[in-house]
């Protein structure tokens, strides 16, 4: 019996060693891969804009005289994931503005990642761009920063559109697990998942209902910023924030959210398992004037799962909130 116990213990130690070695190899691979500066790696169809809180990488294709529509992306995404939506908005006469929210994409990663800090970046970016009042669109994790911006700067906002929003309003506040306080462990975890190109398809598949949306084109977009130096380190730092609760944010307070002063519309996939439709209904209870547009057979990322239908719904929602705000909407 003791002999078998020793063999089992030895096998367990070997297994742990193999796992640690594998994770270590992935961390080394991430370090070697992340060799470019953001300026060198960023696509030519965007630009860097000063925000007063670091440079923001922004897609701003115009037209300059169109009503601004600011698009906040979700976790591990960046501005380019809106590519079909920015084209549709531009064709309809709007001015789509899609920034990268740090630590994702190509924006500067200095500073913090709270909703308030993200909102401050966006406010500075909008000032630099000389954009007037805008329609704000927030998807998933980006919806928190979008809602925060709206609550802090209602005078700069026409209306708000939330897309499968991850706001955490239905969950009690919590702290990040103590194990995530260990920076090397966080980096190993991130290098094995979020910044591991081999894991991108699998991770995306867990967020969408229409699996064909995990196309090579979409995967290439998601992987592109993984070449930027310090990506794993910065996302690991962000993970510590993300795993806890942003208790100081106005957008985390049900009381403050219920007092929102601008028109609100929501777009939700009926097959969303990440932020289920029940969360949209809860938000509607807080903001009874908000409209809810449910997309059929769509998961957590409708803008890539059914882009044509999503763009039509989004443009309709933009017109809706603009009309409610008394804003004249130009159309082609």
C-alpha atoms as a PDB file:
ATOM      1  CA  UNK A   1       0.000   0.000   0.000  1.00  0.00           C
ATOM      2  CA  UNK A   2       2.767   2.472   0.922  1.00  0.00           C
ATOM      3  CA  UNK A   3       4.503   1.678  -2.356  1.00  0.00           C
ATOM      4  CA  UNK A   4       1.362   2.595  -4.291  1.00  0.00           C
ATOM      5  CA  UNK A   5       0.910   5.773  -2.283  1.00  0.00           C
ATOM      6  CA  UNK A   6       4.487   6.791  -3.065  1.00  0.00           C
ATOM      7  CA  UNK A   7       3.898   6.122  -6.763  1.00  0.00           C
ATOM      8  CA  UNK A   8       0.716   8.193  -6.748  1.00  0.00           C
ATOM      9  CA  UNK A   9       2.481  11.023  -4.924  1.00  0.00           C
ATOM     10  CA  UNK A  10       5.371  10.886  -7.393  1.00  0.00           C
ATOM     11  CA  UNK A  11       2.973  10.952 -10.350  1.00  0.00           C
ATOM     12  CA  UNK A  12       1.148  13.915  -8.838  1.00  0.00           C
ATOM     13  CA  UNK A  13       4.405  15.837  -8.371  1.00  0.00           C
ATOM     14  CA  UNK A  14       5.404  15.075 -11.961  1.00  0.00           C
ATOM     15  CA  UNK A  15       1.994  16.245 -13.181  1.00  0.00           C
ATOM     16  CA  UNK A  16       2.279  19.496 -11.258  1.00  0.00           C
ATOM     17  CA  UNK A  17       5.761  19.972 -12.681  1.00  0.00           C
ATOM     18  CA  UNK A  18       4.513  19.450 -16.223  1.00  0.00           C
ATOM     19  CA  UNK A  19       1.676  21.955 -15.705  1.00  0.00           C
ATOM     20  CA  UNK A  20       4.014  24.581 -14.214  1.00  0.00           C
ATOM     21  CA  UNK A  21       6.541  24.035 -16.995  1.00  0.00           C
ATOM     22  CA  UNK A  22       3.787  24.380 -19.608  1.00  0.00           C
ATOM     23  CA  UNK A  23       2.497  27.601 -18.093  1.00  0.00           C
ATOM     24  CA  UNK A  24       6.045  28.904 -17.825  1.00  0.00           C
ATOM     25  CA  UNK A  25       6.616  28.160 -21.498  1.00  0.00           C
ATOM     26  CA  UNK A  26       3.465  30.073 -22.414  1.00  0.00           C
ATOM     27  CA  UNK A  27       4.643  33.059 -20.354  1.00  0.00           C
ATOM     28  CA  UNK A  28       8.013  33.016 -22.115  1.00  0.00           C
ATOM     29  CA  UNK A  29       6.251  32.744 -25.475  1.00  0.00           C
ATOM     30  CA  UNK A  30       4.121  35.773 -24.597  1.00  0.00           C
ATOM     31  CA  UNK A  31       7.227  37.761 -23.645  1.00  0.00           C
ATOM     32  CA  UNK A  32       8.906  36.907 -26.939  1.00  0.00           C
ATOM     33  CA  UNK A  33       5.781  37.638 -28.967  1.00  0.00           C
ATOM     34  CA  UNK A  34       5.106  41.018 -27.322  1.00  0.00           C
ATOM     35  CA  UNK A  35       8.004  42.786 -28.984  1.00  0.00           C
ATOM     36  CA  UNK A  36       6.459  45.755 -30.819  1.00  0.00           C
ATOM     37  CA  UNK A  37       5.548  49.250 -29.700  1.00  0.00           C
ATOM     38  CA  UNK A  38       1.917  50.278 -29.931  1.00  0.00           C
ATOM     39  CA  UNK A  39       2.808  52.978 -32.455  1.00  0.00           C
ATOM     40  CA  UNK A  40       4.521  50.487 -34.755  1.00  0.00           C
ATOM     41  CA  UNK A  41       1.854  47.781 -34.422  1.00  0.00           C
ATOM     42  CA  UNK A  42      -1.287  49.926 -34.668  1.00  0.00           C
ATOM     43  CA  UNK A  43      -3.202  49.789 -37.965  1.00  0.00           C
ATOM     44  CA  UNK A  44      -2.919  52.729 -40.327  1.00  0.00           C
ATOM     45  CA  UNK A  45      -6.665  53.399 -40.476  1.00  0.00           C
ATOM     46  CA  UNK A  46      -6.688  54.696 -36.882  1.00  0.00           C
ATOM     47  CA  UNK A  47      -4.937  57.485 -35.013  1.00  0.00           C
ATOM     48  CA  UNK A  48      -3.590  58.314 -31.580  1.00  0.00           C
ATOM     49  CA  UNK A  49      -5.413  61.031 -29.645  1.00  0.00           C
ATOM     50  CA  UNK A  50      -4.294  62.688 -26.430  1.00  0.00           C
ATOM     51  CA  UNK A  51      -6.750  62.272 -23.576  1.00  0.00           C
ATOM     52  CA  UNK A  52      -4.886  63.811 -20.649  1.00  0.00           C
ATOM     53  CA  UNK A  53      -4.682  60.244 -19.292  1.00  0.00           C
ATOM     54  CA  UNK A  54      -2.465  58.725 -21.956  1.00  0.00           C
ATOM     55  CA  UNK A  55      -2.816  58.481 -25.724  1.00  0.00           C
ATOM     56  CA  UNK A  56      -5.920  56.724 -26.983  1.00  0.00           C
ATOM     57  CA  UNK A  57      -5.926  54.748 -30.203  1.00  0.00           C
ATOM     58  CA  UNK A  58      -9.116  55.664 -32.044  1.00  0.00           C
ATOM     59  CA  UNK A  59     -10.906  54.741 -35.242  1.00  0.00           C
ATOM     60  CA  UNK A  60     -12.603  57.942 -36.411  1.00  0.00           C
ATOM     61  CA  UNK A  61     -13.466  57.543 -40.104  1.00  0.00           C
ATOM     62  CA  UNK A  62     -15.855  60.492 -40.295  1.00  0.00           C
ATOM     63  CA  UNK A  63     -17.803  62.300 -41.573  1.00  0.00           C
ATOM     64  CA  UNK A  64     -16.669  65.132 -39.314  1.00  0.00           C
ATOM     65  CA  UNK A  65     -20.099  66.805 -39.392  1.00  0.00           C
ATOM     66  CA  UNK A  66     -22.015  63.638 -38.472  1.00  0.00           C
ATOM     67  CA  UNK A  67     -23.538  63.061 -35.050  1.00  0.00           C
ATOM     68  CA  UNK A  68     -20.788  61.335 -33.005  1.00  0.00           C
ATOM     69  CA  UNK A  69     -21.477  57.761 -31.939  1.00  0.00           C
ATOM     70  CA  UNK A  70     -18.851  56.506 -29.465  1.00  0.00           C
ATOM     71  CA  UNK A  71     -18.442  52.717 -29.384  1.00  0.00           C
ATOM     72  CA  UNK A  72     -17.094  51.107 -26.194  1.00  0.00           C
ATOM     73  CA  UNK A  73     -15.823  47.562 -26.854  1.00  0.00           C
ATOM     74  CA  UNK A  74     -15.881  44.568 -24.502  1.00  0.00           C
ATOM     75  CA  UNK A  75     -13.275  42.462 -22.703  1.00  0.00           C
ATOM     76  CA  UNK A  76     -10.233  41.392 -24.741  1.00  0.00           C
ATOM     77  CA  UNK A  77     -11.607  43.191 -27.799  1.00  0.00           C
ATOM     78  CA  UNK A  78     -10.502  46.483 -29.342  1.00  0.00           C
ATOM     79  CA  UNK A  79     -11.887  49.125 -31.678  1.00  0.00           C
ATOM     80  CA  UNK A  80     -11.516  47.089 -34.878  1.00  0.00           C
ATOM     81  CA  UNK A  81     -14.064  44.521 -33.709  1.00  0.00           C
ATOM     82  CA  UNK A  82     -16.661  47.195 -34.555  1.00  0.00           C
ATOM     83  CA  UNK A  83     -15.479  47.302 -38.191  1.00  0.00           C
ATOM     84  CA  UNK A  84     -18.807  46.410 -39.776  1.00  0.00           C
ATOM     85  CA  UNK A  85     -20.685  48.728 -37.421  1.00  0.00           C
ATOM     86  CA  UNK A  86     -18.441  51.731 -38.063  1.00  0.00           C
ATOM     87  CA  UNK A  87     -18.963  51.240 -41.806  1.00  0.00           C
ATOM     88  CA  UNK A  88     -22.752  51.064 -41.395  1.00  0.00           C
ATOM     89  CA  UNK A  89     -22.841  54.149 -39.168  1.00  0.00           C
ATOM     90  CA  UNK A  90     -20.655  56.123 -41.542  1.00  0.00           C
ATOM     91  CA  UNK A  91     -22.836  55.135 -44.500  1.00  0.00           C
ATOM     92  CA  UNK A  92     -25.866  56.411 -42.581  1.00  0.00           C
ATOM     93  CA  UNK A  93     -24.270  59.800 -41.992  1.00  0.00           C
ATOM     94  CA  UNK A  94     -23.068  59.341 -38.418  1.00  0.00           C
ATOM     95  CA  UNK A  95     -19.527  59.880 -37.124  1.00  0.00           C
ATOM     96  CA  UNK A  96     -18.479  56.594 -35.484  1.00  0.00           C
ATOM     97  CA  UNK A  97     -15.703  57.000 -32.917  1.00  0.00           C
ATOM     98  CA  UNK A  98     -14.274  53.711 -31.645  1.00  0.00           C
ATOM     99  CA  UNK A  99     -11.497  53.985 -29.007  1.00  0.00           C
ATOM    100  CA  UNK A 100      -9.381  51.221 -27.483  1.00  0.00           C
ATOM    101  CA  UNK A 101     -10.033  50.940 -23.751  1.00  0.00           C
ATOM    102  CA  UNK A 102      -6.788  50.089 -21.900  1.00  0.00           C
ATOM    103  CA  UNK A 103      -5.324  47.566 -21.338  1.00  0.00           C
ATOM    104  CA  UNK A 104      -6.764  46.269 -24.615  1.00  0.00           C
ATOM    105  CA  UNK A 105      -5.796  47.345 -28.097  1.00  0.00           C
ATOM    106  CA  UNK A 106      -3.175  50.015 -28.697  1.00  0.00           C
ATOM    107  CA  UNK A 107      -4.014  52.828 -26.270  1.00  0.00           C
ATOM    108  CA  UNK A 108      -1.512  53.820 -23.583  1.00  0.00           C
ATOM    109  CA  UNK A 109      -1.809  51.536 -20.588  1.00  0.00           C
ATOM    110  CA  UNK A 110      -0.571  53.822 -17.849  1.00  0.00           C
ATOM    111  CA  UNK A 111      -3.005  54.679 -15.109  1.00  0.00           C
ATOM    112  CA  UNK A 112      -5.846  52.681 -13.660  1.00  0.00           C
ATOM    113  CA  UNK A 113      -8.686  50.699 -15.176  1.00  0.00           C
ATOM    114  CA  UNK A 114     -11.678  51.705 -13.056  1.00  0.00           C
ATOM    115  CA  UNK A 115     -14.839  52.829 -14.801  1.00  0.00           C
ATOM    116  CA  UNK A 116     -14.233  56.381 -13.612  1.00  0.00           C
ATOM    117  CA  UNK A 117     -10.684  56.373 -15.003  1.00  0.00           C
ATOM    118  CA  UNK A 118     -11.909  54.988 -18.330  1.00  0.00           C
ATOM    119  CA  UNK A 119     -14.624  57.658 -18.444  1.00  0.00           C
ATOM    120  CA  UNK A 120     -11.991  60.354 -17.819  1.00  0.00           C
ATOM    121  CA  UNK A 121      -9.961  59.039 -20.762  1.00  0.00           C
ATOM    122  CA  UNK A 122     -12.997  59.179 -23.026  1.00  0.00           C
ATOM    123  CA  UNK A 123     -13.873  62.692 -21.870  1.00  0.00           C
ATOM    124  CA  UNK A 124     -10.343  63.900 -22.643  1.00  0.00           C
ATOM    125  CA  UNK A 125     -10.386  62.131 -26.014  1.00  0.00           C
ATOM    126  CA  UNK A 126     -13.698  63.740 -26.968  1.00  0.00           C
ATOM    127  CA  UNK A 127     -12.370  67.170 -26.016  1.00  0.00           C
ATOM    128  CA  UNK A 128      -9.266  66.674 -28.163  1.00  0.00           C
ATOM    129  CA  UNK A 129     -11.356  65.480 -31.103  1.00  0.00           C
ATOM    130  CA  UNK A 130     -13.599  68.512 -30.766  1.00  0.00           C
ATOM    131  CA  UNK A 131     -16.640  66.263 -30.830  1.00  0.00           C
ATOM    132  CA  UNK A 132     -19.889  67.663 -29.516  1.00  0.00           C
ATOM    133  CA  UNK A 133     -22.682  65.795 -27.790  1.00  0.00           C
ATOM    134  CA  UNK A 134     -22.616  62.131 -28.696  1.00  0.00           C
ATOM    135  CA  UNK A 135     -24.614  58.954 -28.604  1.00  0.00           C
ATOM    136  CA  UNK A 136     -22.741  56.503 -26.375  1.00  0.00           C
ATOM    137  CA  UNK A 137     -22.785  52.775 -27.143  1.00  0.00           C
ATOM    138  CA  UNK A 138     -21.362  50.292 -24.624  1.00  0.00           C
ATOM    139  CA  UNK A 139     -20.902  46.566 -25.121  1.00  0.00           C
ATOM    140  CA  UNK A 140     -20.275  43.986 -22.388  1.00  0.00           C
ATOM    141  CA  UNK A 141     -17.511  45.121 -19.978  1.00  0.00           C
ATOM    142  CA  UNK A 142     -17.261  48.395 -21.927  1.00  0.00           C
ATOM    143  CA  UNK A 143     -20.846  49.177 -20.974  1.00  0.00           C
ATOM    144  CA  UNK A 144     -19.690  49.916 -17.427  1.00  0.00           C
ATOM    145  CA  UNK A 145     -17.316  52.651 -18.583  1.00  0.00           C
ATOM    146  CA  UNK A 146     -19.912  53.895 -21.089  1.00  0.00           C
ATOM    147  CA  UNK A 147     -22.588  54.193 -18.397  1.00  0.00           C
ATOM    148  CA  UNK A 148     -20.071  55.840 -16.060  1.00  0.00           C
ATOM    149  CA  UNK A 149     -19.263  58.447 -18.717  1.00  0.00           C
ATOM    150  CA  UNK A 150     -22.964  59.149 -19.233  1.00  0.00           C
ATOM    151  CA  UNK A 151     -23.636  59.532 -15.501  1.00  0.00           C
ATOM    152  CA  UNK A 152     -20.624  61.815 -15.013  1.00  0.00           C
ATOM    153  CA  UNK A 153     -21.112  63.915 -18.160  1.00  0.00           C
ATOM    154  CA  UNK A 154     -24.814  63.959 -19.077  1.00  0.00           C
ATOM    155  CA  UNK A 155     -24.379  67.367 -20.714  1.00  0.00           C
ATOM    156  CA  UNK A 156     -22.078  65.776 -23.319  1.00  0.00           C
ATOM    157  CA  UNK A 157     -24.457  62.936 -24.154  1.00  0.00           C
ATOM    158  CA  UNK A 158     -27.463  62.631 -26.485  1.00  0.00           C
ATOM    159  CA  UNK A 159     -28.402  59.137 -25.401  1.00  0.00           C
ATOM    160  CA  UNK A 160     -27.067  55.742 -24.327  1.00  0.00           C
ATOM    161  CA  UNK A 161     -27.316  52.358 -26.056  1.00  0.00           C
ATOM    162  CA  UNK A 162     -26.272  49.332 -24.001  1.00  0.00           C
ATOM    163  CA  UNK A 163     -25.426  46.088 -25.812  1.00  0.00           C
ATOM    164  CA  UNK A 164     -25.435  42.886 -23.712  1.00  0.00           C
ATOM    165  CA  UNK A 165     -24.120  45.026 -20.885  1.00  0.00           C
ATOM    166  CA  UNK A 166     -21.980  43.543 -18.097  1.00  0.00           C
ATOM    167  CA  UNK A 167     -22.743  45.991 -15.306  1.00  0.00           C
ATOM    168  CA  UNK A 168     -22.785  43.724 -12.246  1.00  0.00           C
ATOM    169  CA  UNK A 169     -25.882  45.429 -10.843  1.00  0.00           C
ATOM    170  CA  UNK A 170     -27.535  42.121  -9.975  1.00  0.00           C
ATOM    171  CA  UNK A 171     -24.563  40.813  -7.985  1.00  0.00           C
ATOM    172  CA  UNK A 172     -23.426  41.707  -4.450  1.00  0.00           C
ATOM    173  CA  UNK A 173     -20.082  43.551  -4.200  1.00  0.00           C
ATOM    174  CA  UNK A 174     -17.071  41.268  -3.840  1.00  0.00           C
ATOM    175  CA  UNK A 175     -13.301  41.420  -3.619  1.00  0.00           C
ATOM    176  CA  UNK A 176     -10.922  39.768  -6.054  1.00  0.00           C
ATOM    177  CA  UNK A 177      -9.809  36.273  -4.946  1.00  0.00           C
ATOM    178  CA  UNK A 178      -6.737  36.542  -2.736  1.00  0.00           C
ATOM    179  CA  UNK A 179      -4.790  34.247  -5.063  1.00  0.00           C
ATOM    180  CA  UNK A 180      -4.907  36.935  -7.779  1.00  0.00           C
ATOM    181  CA  UNK A 181      -2.848  39.211  -5.528  1.00  0.00           C
ATOM    182  CA  UNK A 182       0.162  37.176  -6.711  1.00  0.00           C
ATOM    183  CA  UNK A 183       1.332  39.010  -9.828  1.00  0.00           C
ATOM    184  CA  UNK A 184       3.370  36.094 -11.306  1.00  0.00           C
ATOM    185  CA  UNK A 185       0.356  33.813 -10.983  1.00  0.00           C
ATOM    186  CA  UNK A 186      -1.885  36.351 -12.720  1.00  0.00           C
ATOM    187  CA  UNK A 187       0.619  36.624 -15.565  1.00  0.00           C
ATOM    188  CA  UNK A 188       0.748  32.843 -15.975  1.00  0.00           C
ATOM    189  CA  UNK A 189      -3.037  32.705 -16.086  1.00  0.00           C
ATOM    190  CA  UNK A 190      -3.304  35.489 -18.660  1.00  0.00           C
ATOM    191  CA  UNK A 191      -0.517  34.119 -20.866  1.00  0.00           C
ATOM    192  CA  UNK A 192      -2.359  30.782 -20.962  1.00  0.00           C
ATOM    193  CA  UNK A 193      -5.696  32.365 -21.886  1.00  0.00           C
ATOM    194  CA  UNK A 194      -6.282  35.978 -22.911  1.00  0.00           C
ATOM    195  CA  UNK A 195      -2.932  36.544 -24.673  1.00  0.00           C
ATOM    196  CA  UNK A 196      -2.476  32.994 -25.939  1.00  0.00           C
ATOM    197  CA  UNK A 197      -3.306  32.979 -29.689  1.00  0.00           C
ATOM    198  CA  UNK A 198      -3.954  29.238 -29.491  1.00  0.00           C
ATOM    199  CA  UNK A 199      -6.794  29.866 -27.018  1.00  0.00           C
ATOM    200  CA  UNK A 200      -8.538  32.717 -28.844  1.00  0.00           C
ATOM    201  CA  UNK A 201     -10.971  30.583 -30.840  1.00  0.00           C
ATOM    202  CA  UNK A 202     -11.950  28.535 -27.776  1.00  0.00           C
ATOM    203  CA  UNK A 203     -12.506  31.608 -25.598  1.00  0.00           C
ATOM    204  CA  UNK A 204     -14.560  33.350 -28.276  1.00  0.00           C
ATOM    205  CA  UNK A 205     -16.680  30.233 -28.777  1.00  0.00           C
ATOM    206  CA  UNK A 206     -17.811  30.472 -25.140  1.00  0.00           C
ATOM    207  CA  UNK A 207     -19.212  33.972 -25.697  1.00  0.00           C
ATOM    208  CA  UNK A 208     -21.196  33.481 -28.899  1.00  0.00           C
ATOM    209  CA  UNK A 209     -24.184  31.407 -29.927  1.00  0.00           C
ATOM    210  CA  UNK A 210     -23.529  31.456 -33.669  1.00  0.00           C
ATOM    211  CA  UNK A 211     -20.236  29.593 -33.819  1.00  0.00           C
ATOM    212  CA  UNK A 212     -19.603  30.543 -37.455  1.00  0.00           C
ATOM    213  CA  UNK A 213     -18.918  34.065 -36.168  1.00  0.00           C
ATOM    214  CA  UNK A 214     -15.546  32.798 -34.894  1.00  0.00           C
ATOM    215  CA  UNK A 215     -14.153  33.297 -38.405  1.00  0.00           C
ATOM    216  CA  UNK A 216     -10.477  33.567 -39.259  1.00  0.00           C
ATOM    217  CA  UNK A 217     -11.005  37.267 -39.985  1.00  0.00           C
ATOM    218  CA  UNK A 218     -12.446  37.903 -36.537  1.00  0.00           C
ATOM    219  CA  UNK A 219      -9.766  35.812 -34.828  1.00  0.00           C
ATOM    220  CA  UNK A 220      -7.012  37.717 -36.648  1.00  0.00           C
ATOM    221  CA  UNK A 221      -8.482  40.994 -35.406  1.00  0.00           C
ATOM    222  CA  UNK A 222      -8.603  39.779 -31.808  1.00  0.00           C
ATOM    223  CA  UNK A 223      -5.024  38.472 -31.957  1.00  0.00           C
ATOM    224  CA  UNK A 224      -3.452  41.543 -33.589  1.00  0.00           C
ATOM    225  CA  UNK A 225      -2.671  43.588 -30.409  1.00  0.00           C
ATOM    226  CA  UNK A 226      -0.983  40.570 -28.792  1.00  0.00           C
ATOM    227  CA  UNK A 227       2.248  41.754 -30.437  1.00  0.00           C
ATOM    228  CA  UNK A 228       2.400  44.918 -28.329  1.00  0.00           C
ATOM    229  CA  UNK A 229       5.002  44.941 -25.569  1.00  0.00           C
ATOM    230  CA  UNK A 230       3.713  44.453 -22.029  1.00  0.00           C
ATOM    231  CA  UNK A 231       0.293  43.143 -23.091  1.00  0.00           C
ATOM    232  CA  UNK A 232       0.278  40.162 -20.721  1.00  0.00           C
ATOM    233  CA  UNK A 233       1.612  42.190 -17.797  1.00  0.00           C
ATOM    234  CA  UNK A 234      -0.987  44.946 -18.222  1.00  0.00           C
ATOM    235  CA  UNK A 235      -3.934  42.590 -18.716  1.00  0.00           C
ATOM    236  CA  UNK A 236      -2.790  40.713 -15.603  1.00  0.00           C
ATOM    237  CA  UNK A 237      -2.956  43.968 -13.638  1.00  0.00           C
ATOM    238  CA  UNK A 238      -6.387  44.716 -15.110  1.00  0.00           C
ATOM    239  CA  UNK A 239      -7.569  41.222 -14.094  1.00  0.00           C
ATOM    240  CA  UNK A 240      -7.033  42.069 -10.428  1.00  0.00           C
ATOM    241  CA  UNK A 241      -9.369  45.051 -10.822  1.00  0.00           C
ATOM    242  CA  UNK A 242     -11.885  43.181 -12.980  1.00  0.00           C
ATOM    243  CA  UNK A 243     -12.229  40.250 -10.583  1.00  0.00           C
ATOM    244  CA  UNK A 244     -13.378  42.583  -7.805  1.00  0.00           C
ATOM    245  CA  UNK A 245     -16.137  45.179  -7.597  1.00  0.00           C
ATOM    246  CA  UNK A 246     -15.802  48.799  -8.686  1.00  0.00           C
ATOM    247  CA  UNK A 247     -17.593  50.041  -5.597  1.00  0.00           C
ATOM    248  CA  UNK A 248     -16.873  53.756  -6.120  1.00  0.00           C
ATOM    249  CA  UNK A 249     -18.387  53.893  -9.612  1.00  0.00           C
ATOM    250  CA  UNK A 250     -21.702  55.683 -10.081  1.00  0.00           C
ATOM    251  CA  UNK A 251     -22.538  52.989 -12.631  1.00  0.00           C
ATOM    252  CA  UNK A 252     -22.228  50.344  -9.909  1.00  0.00           C
ATOM    253  CA  UNK A 253     -24.913  52.022  -7.784  1.00  0.00           C
ATOM    254  CA  UNK A 254     -28.490  50.983  -8.487  1.00  0.00           C
ATOM    255  CA  UNK A 255     -29.685  54.250  -6.963  1.00  0.00           C
ATOM    256  CA  UNK A 256     -27.483  56.378  -9.236  1.00  0.00           C
ATOM    257  CA  UNK A 257     -28.320  54.352 -12.327  1.00  0.00           C
ATOM    258  CA  UNK A 258     -32.037  54.796 -11.658  1.00  0.00           C
ATOM    259  CA  UNK A 259     -31.511  58.594 -11.828  1.00  0.00           C
ATOM    260  CA  UNK A 260     -29.964  58.597 -15.303  1.00  0.00           C
ATOM    261  CA  UNK A 261     -30.893  61.775 -17.168  1.00  0.00           C
ATOM    262  CA  UNK A 262     -30.546  60.731 -20.813  1.00  0.00           C
ATOM    263  CA  UNK A 263     -32.633  58.396 -23.016  1.00  0.00           C
ATOM    264  CA  UNK A 264     -31.551  54.755 -22.853  1.00  0.00           C
ATOM    265  CA  UNK A 265     -32.006  51.876 -25.290  1.00  0.00           C
ATOM    266  CA  UNK A 266     -30.800  48.305 -24.867  1.00  0.00           C
ATOM    267  CA  UNK A 267     -29.920  45.622 -27.414  1.00  0.00           C
ATOM    268  CA  UNK A 268     -29.632  42.038 -26.181  1.00  0.00           C
ATOM    269  CA  UNK A 269     -29.106  38.578 -27.628  1.00  0.00           C
ATOM    270  CA  UNK A 270     -31.724  36.095 -26.465  1.00  0.00           C
ATOM    271  CA  UNK A 271     -29.060  33.363 -26.335  1.00  0.00           C
ATOM    272  CA  UNK A 272     -26.607  35.340 -24.214  1.00  0.00           C
ATOM    273  CA  UNK A 273     -25.306  33.067 -21.443  1.00  0.00           C
ATOM    274  CA  UNK A 274     -22.695  35.582 -20.224  1.00  0.00           C
ATOM    275  CA  UNK A 275     -25.079  38.401 -19.334  1.00  0.00           C
ATOM    276  CA  UNK A 276     -28.484  36.710 -19.581  1.00  0.00           C
ATOM    277  CA  UNK A 277     -31.588  38.552 -20.689  1.00  0.00           C
ATOM    278  CA  UNK A 278     -32.723  38.658 -17.062  1.00  0.00           C
ATOM    279  CA  UNK A 279     -30.064  41.320 -16.463  1.00  0.00           C
ATOM    280  CA  UNK A 280     -31.602  43.488 -19.187  1.00  0.00           C
ATOM    281  CA  UNK A 281     -35.013  43.121 -17.560  1.00  0.00           C
ATOM    282  CA  UNK A 282     -33.537  44.078 -14.198  1.00  0.00           C
ATOM    283  CA  UNK A 283     -31.961  47.187 -15.707  1.00  0.00           C
ATOM    284  CA  UNK A 284     -35.286  48.050 -17.290  1.00  0.00           C
ATOM    285  CA  UNK A 285     -36.871  47.890 -13.842  1.00  0.00           C
ATOM    286  CA  UNK A 286     -34.338  50.498 -12.707  1.00  0.00           C
ATOM    287  CA  UNK A 287     -34.853  52.654 -15.804  1.00  0.00           C
ATOM    288  CA  UNK A 288     -38.476  52.081 -16.871  1.00  0.00           C
ATOM    289  CA  UNK A 289     -38.187  54.502 -19.799  1.00  0.00           C
ATOM    290  CA  UNK A 290     -35.455  52.371 -21.415  1.00  0.00           C
ATOM    291  CA  UNK A 291     -36.413  50.382 -24.489  1.00  0.00           C
ATOM    292  CA  UNK A 292     -35.262  46.806 -25.029  1.00  0.00           C
ATOM    293  CA  UNK A 293     -34.561  45.278 -28.446  1.00  0.00           C
ATOM    294  CA  UNK A 294     -34.045  41.500 -28.260  1.00  0.00           C
ATOM    295  CA  UNK A 295     -32.187  39.805 -31.118  1.00  0.00           C
ATOM    296  CA  UNK A 296     -33.203  36.242 -31.873  1.00  0.00           C
ATOM    297  CA  UNK A 297     -30.682  33.381 -31.863  1.00  0.00           C
ATOM    298  CA  UNK A 298     -27.791  35.672 -30.930  1.00  0.00           C
ATOM    299  CA  UNK A 299     -25.366  35.362 -28.024  1.00  0.00           C
ATOM    300  CA  UNK A 300     -23.159  37.871 -26.220  1.00  0.00           C
ATOM    301  CA  UNK A 301     -21.559  39.602 -29.241  1.00  0.00           C
ATOM    302  CA  UNK A 302     -24.340  40.468 -31.697  1.00  0.00           C
ATOM    303  CA  UNK A 303     -22.170  42.823 -33.755  1.00  0.00           C
ATOM    304  CA  UNK A 304     -20.174  39.850 -35.059  1.00  0.00           C
ATOM    305  CA  UNK A 305     -22.814  37.129 -34.796  1.00  0.00           C
ATOM    306  CA  UNK A 306     -25.433  38.863 -36.965  1.00  0.00           C
ATOM    307  CA  UNK A 307     -23.812  42.123 -38.081  1.00  0.00           C
ATOM    308  CA  UNK A 308     -26.392  43.241 -40.659  1.00  0.00           C
ATOM    309  CA  UNK A 309     -29.310  42.750 -38.284  1.00  0.00           C
ATOM    310  CA  UNK A 310     -27.387  44.285 -35.377  1.00  0.00           C
ATOM    311  CA  UNK A 311     -26.426  47.388 -37.347  1.00  0.00           C
ATOM    312  CA  UNK A 312     -30.048  47.909 -38.376  1.00  0.00           C
ATOM    313  CA  UNK A 313     -31.220  47.554 -34.766  1.00  0.00           C
ATOM    314  CA  UNK A 314     -28.438  49.830 -33.503  1.00  0.00           C
ATOM    315  CA  UNK A 315     -29.194  52.588 -35.997  1.00  0.00           C
ATOM    316  CA  UNK A 316     -32.861  52.332 -35.047  1.00  0.00           C
ATOM    317  CA  UNK A 317     -31.939  52.602 -31.354  1.00  0.00           C
ATOM    318  CA  UNK A 318     -29.704  55.615 -32.050  1.00  0.00           C
ATOM    319  CA  UNK A 319     -32.553  57.374 -33.844  1.00  0.00           C
ATOM    320  CA  UNK A 320     -34.831  56.480 -30.957  1.00  0.00           C
ATOM    321  CA  UNK A 321     -32.656  57.978 -28.206  1.00  0.00           C
ATOM    322  CA  UNK A 322     -31.789  60.992 -30.362  1.00  0.00           C
ATOM    323  CA  UNK A 323     -35.469  61.640 -30.990  1.00  0.00           C
ATOM    324  CA  UNK A 324     -36.226  61.322 -27.276  1.00  0.00           C
ATOM    325  CA  UNK A 325     -33.454  63.816 -26.568  1.00  0.00           C
ATOM    326  CA  UNK A 326     -34.834  66.231 -29.146  1.00  0.00           C
ATOM    327  CA  UNK A 327     -31.733  65.868 -31.329  1.00  0.00           C
ATOM    328  CA  UNK A 328     -32.190  66.151 -35.059  1.00  0.00           C
ATOM    329  CA  UNK A 329     -30.679  63.087 -36.741  1.00  0.00           C
ATOM    330  CA  UNK A 330     -29.226  63.450 -40.208  1.00  0.00           C
ATOM    331  CA  UNK A 331     -29.521  60.533 -42.584  1.00  0.00           C
ATOM    332  CA  UNK A 332     -28.285  59.788 -46.089  1.00  0.00           C
END
